[in-house]
Amino acid sequence: MNSTVKTILKIFAVLLMLSGIIWALQGLNILPGTFMRGDPQWITNGAITALIGAGLFWFTNRK
């Protein structure tokens, strides 16, 4: 895998992790302001999204 593709995948992975964390925090009613607030489904969706992002980040960093 060339370095440009790795860089793009790393950026995408970080964005996935950040989105997932934000969704989970909104589902936990910690971050206010959207329809996701207090909805347990978004805790699960956010956790899964963050884990997929972490897995992608790990995959792009391995040799």
N, C-alpha and C. Protein backbone atom coordinates (compact mmCIF):
# COMPACT_ATOMS: atom_id res chain seq x y z
N MET A 1 0.86 -1.17 0.00
CA MET A 1 0.00 0.00 0.00
C MET A 1 0.91 1.23 0.00
N ASN A 2 0.66 2.16 -0.92
CA ASN A 2 1.53 3.33 -0.98
C ASN A 2 1.19 4.34 0.11
N SER A 3 2.08 5.30 0.31
CA SER A 3 1.95 6.21 1.44
C SER A 3 0.75 7.16 1.32
N THR A 4 0.35 7.51 0.10
CA THR A 4 -0.80 8.39 -0.08
C THR A 4 -2.09 7.71 0.38
N VAL A 5 -2.25 6.46 0.00
CA VAL A 5 -3.43 5.70 0.39
C VAL A 5 -3.44 5.51 1.90
N LYS A 6 -2.27 5.22 2.48
CA LYS A 6 -2.19 5.06 3.94
C LYS A 6 -2.58 6.33 4.66
N THR A 7 -2.13 7.47 4.17
CA THR A 7 -2.46 8.74 4.79
C THR A 7 -3.95 9.01 4.72
N ILE A 8 -4.55 8.77 3.58
CA ILE A 8 -5.99 8.98 3.41
C ILE A 8 -6.78 8.06 4.34
N LEU A 9 -6.36 6.80 4.43
CA LEU A 9 -7.05 5.86 5.31
C LEU A 9 -6.89 6.25 6.78
N LYS A 10 -5.73 6.76 7.16
CA LYS A 10 -5.53 7.20 8.55
C LYS A 10 -6.43 8.38 8.88
N ILE A 11 -6.54 9.32 7.96
CA ILE A 11 -7.42 10.48 8.18
C ILE A 11 -8.86 10.00 8.30
N PHE A 12 -9.28 9.10 7.43
CA PHE A 12 -10.64 8.56 7.48
C PHE A 12 -10.88 7.82 8.79
N ALA A 13 -9.88 7.05 9.24
CA ALA A 13 -10.00 6.31 10.49
C ALA A 13 -10.16 7.25 11.68
N VAL A 14 -9.40 8.32 11.71
CA VAL A 14 -9.51 9.29 12.81
C VAL A 14 -10.88 9.96 12.79
N LEU A 15 -11.38 10.30 11.60
CA LEU A 15 -12.71 10.90 11.50
C LEU A 15 -13.79 9.92 11.97
N LEU A 16 -13.64 8.66 11.64
CA LEU A 16 -14.59 7.65 12.12
C LEU A 16 -14.56 7.56 13.64
N MET A 17 -13.36 7.53 14.21
CA MET A 17 -13.25 7.44 15.66
C MET A 17 -13.88 8.65 16.34
N LEU A 18 -13.59 9.85 15.84
CA LEU A 18 -14.14 11.06 16.42
C LEU A 18 -15.66 11.10 16.30
N SER A 19 -16.18 10.73 15.15
CA SER A 19 -17.63 10.70 14.95
C SER A 19 -18.28 9.71 15.92
N GLY A 20 -17.68 8.54 16.03
CA GLY A 20 -18.22 7.53 16.93
C GLY A 20 -18.22 7.98 18.38
N ILE A 21 -17.15 8.62 18.80
CA ILE A 21 -17.07 9.11 20.17
C ILE A 21 -18.12 10.18 20.41
N ILE A 22 -18.28 11.09 19.47
CA ILE A 22 -19.29 12.15 19.61
C ILE A 22 -20.69 11.55 19.67
N TRP A 23 -20.98 10.58 18.80
CA TRP A 23 -22.29 9.94 18.80
C TRP A 23 -22.55 9.25 20.14
N ALA A 24 -21.54 8.53 20.65
CA ALA A 24 -21.72 7.82 21.92
C ALA A 24 -21.95 8.81 23.06
N LEU A 25 -21.21 9.91 23.07
CA LEU A 25 -21.38 10.90 24.12
C LEU A 25 -22.75 11.57 24.04
N GLN A 26 -23.26 11.76 22.84
CA GLN A 26 -24.61 12.31 22.70
C GLN A 26 -25.65 11.29 23.16
N GLY A 27 -25.41 10.03 22.85
CA GLY A 27 -26.32 8.98 23.31
C GLY A 27 -26.33 8.86 24.82
N LEU A 28 -25.19 9.14 25.45
CA LEU A 28 -25.09 9.11 26.91
C LEU A 28 -25.63 10.39 27.55
N ASN A 29 -26.07 11.32 26.74
CA ASN A 29 -26.62 12.60 27.18
C ASN A 29 -25.56 13.50 27.82
N ILE A 30 -24.30 13.33 27.40
CA ILE A 30 -23.21 14.18 27.88
C ILE A 30 -23.05 15.39 26.99
N LEU A 31 -23.15 15.18 25.67
CA LEU A 31 -23.10 16.30 24.72
C LEU A 31 -24.53 16.62 24.27
N PRO A 32 -25.00 17.81 24.54
CA PRO A 32 -26.36 18.17 24.16
C PRO A 32 -26.44 18.68 22.72
N GLY A 33 -27.66 18.82 22.24
CA GLY A 33 -27.86 19.58 21.02
C GLY A 33 -28.43 18.88 19.82
N THR A 34 -28.62 17.57 19.84
CA THR A 34 -29.17 16.91 18.66
C THR A 34 -30.26 15.93 19.06
N PHE A 35 -30.88 15.34 18.06
CA PHE A 35 -31.91 14.33 18.28
C PHE A 35 -31.35 13.05 18.89
N MET A 36 -30.02 12.87 18.85
CA MET A 36 -29.39 11.67 19.38
C MET A 36 -29.30 11.69 20.91
N ARG A 37 -29.54 12.84 21.49
CA ARG A 37 -29.33 13.02 22.91
C ARG A 37 -30.20 12.08 23.74
N GLY A 38 -29.55 11.29 24.58
CA GLY A 38 -30.26 10.40 25.48
C GLY A 38 -30.80 9.13 24.85
N ASP A 39 -30.47 8.86 23.60
CA ASP A 39 -30.98 7.66 22.91
C ASP A 39 -29.93 6.55 22.99
N PRO A 40 -30.24 5.44 23.65
CA PRO A 40 -29.25 4.36 23.82
C PRO A 40 -28.77 3.75 22.50
N GLN A 41 -29.56 3.86 21.45
CA GLN A 41 -29.14 3.32 20.16
C GLN A 41 -27.87 4.01 19.68
N TRP A 42 -27.74 5.31 19.96
CA TRP A 42 -26.57 6.05 19.50
C TRP A 42 -25.33 5.73 20.31
N ILE A 43 -25.51 5.23 21.52
CA ILE A 43 -24.35 4.75 22.29
C ILE A 43 -23.73 3.56 21.55
N THR A 44 -24.60 2.64 21.14
CA THR A 44 -24.14 1.45 20.42
C THR A 44 -23.56 1.82 19.05
N ASN A 45 -24.28 2.65 18.30
CA ASN A 45 -23.80 3.05 16.98
C ASN A 45 -22.45 3.76 17.09
N GLY A 46 -22.32 4.64 18.06
CA GLY A 46 -21.08 5.37 18.23
C GLY A 46 -19.93 4.47 18.62
N ALA A 47 -20.19 3.52 19.52
CA ALA A 47 -19.13 2.60 19.94
C ALA A 47 -18.67 1.73 18.78
N ILE A 48 -19.60 1.24 17.99
CA ILE A 48 -19.24 0.41 16.83
C ILE A 48 -18.44 1.23 15.81
N THR A 49 -18.88 2.44 15.55
CA THR A 49 -18.18 3.30 14.59
C THR A 49 -16.77 3.63 15.07
N ALA A 50 -16.63 3.93 16.36
CA ALA A 50 -15.31 4.23 16.91
C ALA A 50 -14.40 3.00 16.84
N LEU A 51 -14.94 1.83 17.10
CA LEU A 51 -14.13 0.61 17.02
C LEU A 51 -13.71 0.29 15.59
N ILE A 52 -14.59 0.53 14.64
CA ILE A 52 -14.22 0.33 13.23
C ILE A 52 -13.11 1.31 12.85
N GLY A 53 -13.21 2.55 13.28
CA GLY A 53 -12.16 3.53 13.01
C GLY A 53 -10.84 3.13 13.65
N ALA A 54 -10.90 2.63 14.89
CA ALA A 54 -9.67 2.19 15.56
C ALA A 54 -9.05 0.99 14.85
N GLY A 55 -9.90 0.08 14.40
CA GLY A 55 -9.39 -1.07 13.65
C GLY A 55 -8.75 -0.67 12.33
N LEU A 56 -9.36 0.27 11.65
CA LEU A 56 -8.80 0.76 10.39
C LEU A 56 -7.48 1.47 10.63
N PHE A 57 -7.42 2.26 11.71
CA PHE A 57 -6.17 2.95 12.05
C PHE A 57 -5.08 1.94 12.35
N TRP A 58 -5.41 0.91 13.13
CA TRP A 58 -4.44 -0.14 13.44
C TRP A 58 -3.98 -0.84 12.15
N PHE A 59 -4.93 -1.14 11.27
CA PHE A 59 -4.61 -1.84 10.02
C PHE A 59 -3.64 -1.02 9.15
N THR A 60 -3.84 0.29 9.10
CA THR A 60 -2.96 1.12 8.26
C THR A 60 -1.59 1.33 8.89
N ASN A 61 -1.45 1.13 10.21
CA ASN A 61 -0.17 1.32 10.87
C ASN A 61 0.69 0.06 10.93
N ARG A 62 0.09 -1.10 10.70
CA ARG A 62 0.89 -2.32 10.78
C ARG A 62 1.79 -2.45 9.54
N LYS A 63 2.81 -3.21 9.68
CA LYS A 63 3.78 -3.33 8.58
C LYS A 63 3.42 -4.39 7.60
